[in-house]
Amino acid sequence: MTERIKNEIGNQKNAFWFLVIAIVVFLGLYFYFFGHTIYSVVERQTVERRIIAIESGAEEMEMNYLSEKSKITLDLAKSKGFTKITLTPKYISRTPTGKSLTLNN
């Protein structure tokens, strides 16, 4: 009878320490994942701010481009030395005019 009581007390001690260790491990995992989640949220906010800054820079460059494009006129081009190209278009005729390289000859 005393052996049985000793075994039960030993089993209860083992169960107690198992539960204590399990609780410590789970708390450690909880704090790790909670910290990782907070870090991810902060990092995402930082990335979103950088994306907004880059997009606003792109919008500003686009507006500069459009304003500069509207300043270009035919008179400005002529004053810079550009001239109108007056070349006649050249076409390739569809009728053969001479010998060609083929595998059938």
Protein backbone atom coordinates (compact mmCIF):
# COMPACT_ATOMS: atom_id res chain seq x y z
CA MET A 1 0.00 0.00 0.00
CA THR A 2 2.79 2.39 0.87
CA GLU A 3 4.51 1.50 -2.41
CA ARG A 4 1.37 2.37 -4.31
CA ILE A 5 1.08 5.74 -2.57
CA LYS A 6 4.77 6.45 -3.29
CA ASN A 7 4.23 5.58 -6.97
CA GLU A 8 1.21 7.90 -7.18
CA ILE A 9 3.15 10.73 -5.57
CA GLY A 10 6.03 10.10 -7.99
CA ASN A 11 3.62 10.07 -10.92
CA GLN A 12 2.04 13.31 -9.72
CA LYS A 13 5.48 14.94 -9.45
CA ASN A 14 6.37 13.79 -12.95
CA ALA A 15 3.05 15.07 -14.31
CA PHE A 16 3.55 18.40 -12.50
CA TRP A 17 7.03 18.94 -13.96
CA PHE A 18 5.85 17.84 -17.39
CA LEU A 19 3.04 20.42 -17.24
CA VAL A 20 5.42 23.14 -15.97
CA ILE A 21 7.88 22.46 -18.80
CA ALA A 22 5.07 22.33 -21.37
CA ILE A 23 3.68 25.66 -20.13
CA VAL A 24 7.13 27.27 -20.29
CA VAL A 25 7.69 25.95 -23.83
CA PHE A 26 4.26 27.14 -24.99
CA LEU A 27 4.74 30.56 -23.39
CA GLY A 28 8.12 30.84 -25.11
CA LEU A 29 6.57 29.94 -28.46
CA TYR A 30 3.71 32.36 -27.85
CA PHE A 31 6.06 35.27 -27.13
CA TYR A 32 8.26 34.36 -30.11
CA PHE A 33 5.36 34.30 -32.56
CA PHE A 34 3.76 37.39 -31.01
CA GLY A 35 7.05 39.29 -31.38
CA HIS A 36 7.47 38.05 -34.93
CA THR A 37 3.95 39.23 -35.77
CA ILE A 38 4.64 42.69 -34.37
CA TYR A 39 7.92 42.86 -36.29
CA SER A 40 6.14 41.88 -39.52
CA VAL A 41 3.48 44.55 -39.04
CA VAL A 42 6.09 47.24 -38.42
CA GLU A 43 8.13 46.09 -41.41
CA ARG A 44 5.04 46.14 -43.64
CA GLN A 45 4.24 49.70 -42.55
CA THR A 46 7.81 50.72 -43.39
CA VAL A 47 7.59 49.11 -46.82
CA GLU A 48 4.22 50.77 -47.46
CA ARG A 49 5.73 54.17 -46.63
CA ARG A 50 8.62 53.54 -49.03
CA ILE A 51 6.18 52.45 -51.77
CA ILE A 52 4.17 55.65 -51.29
CA ALA A 53 7.35 57.74 -51.53
CA ILE A 54 8.44 55.97 -54.72
CA GLU A 55 4.99 56.29 -56.30
CA SER A 56 4.83 60.00 -55.50
CA GLY A 57 8.27 60.43 -57.05
CA ALA A 58 7.08 58.65 -60.18
CA GLU A 59 3.98 60.85 -60.33
CA GLU A 60 6.15 63.95 -59.99
CA MET A 61 8.42 62.79 -62.82
CA GLU A 62 5.38 62.06 -64.99
CA MET A 63 4.00 65.56 -64.37
CA ASN A 64 7.41 67.07 -65.23
CA TYR A 65 7.50 65.02 -68.42
CA LEU A 66 4.03 66.13 -69.46
CA SER A 67 4.78 69.79 -68.75
CA GLU A 68 8.05 69.64 -70.71
CA LYS A 69 6.36 67.77 -73.56
CA SER A 70 3.74 70.48 -73.90
CA LYS A 71 6.52 73.10 -74.28
CA ILE A 72 7.89 71.45 -77.44
CA THR A 73 6.56 73.16 -80.57
CA LEU A 74 7.47 73.20 -84.24
CA ASP A 75 9.01 76.68 -83.86
CA LEU A 76 11.23 75.44 -81.00
CA ALA A 77 12.37 72.50 -83.10
CA LYS A 78 13.23 74.76 -86.03
CA SER A 79 15.15 77.13 -83.74
CA LYS A 80 17.20 74.18 -82.47
CA GLY A 81 18.13 73.20 -86.03
CA PHE A 82 15.69 70.41 -86.75
CA THR A 83 14.29 70.27 -90.26
CA LYS A 84 11.42 68.43 -91.83
CA ILE A 85 12.45 65.21 -93.54
CA THR A 86 11.30 65.12 -97.16
CA LEU A 87 12.35 61.70 -98.34
CA THR A 88 10.31 59.72 -100.77
CA PRO A 89 9.44 56.31 -99.42
CA LYS A 90 11.25 53.38 -100.98
CA TYR A 91 9.44 50.11 -101.52
CA ILE A 92 10.55 46.64 -102.43
CA SER A 93 8.88 45.44 -105.57
CA ARG A 94 7.03 42.16 -105.54
CA THR A 95 8.21 41.08 -108.97
CA PRO A 96 11.61 39.47 -109.06
CA THR A 97 14.17 41.68 -110.80
CA GLY A 98 17.09 39.27 -110.94
CA LYS A 99 18.49 36.02 -109.74
CA SER A 100 18.01 34.97 -106.15
CA LEU A 101 19.49 32.27 -104.00
CA THR A 102 17.18 29.32 -103.53
CA LEU A 103 17.60 25.63 -102.91
CA ASN A 104 15.50 24.80 -105.98
CA ASN A 105 17.96 26.17 -108.60
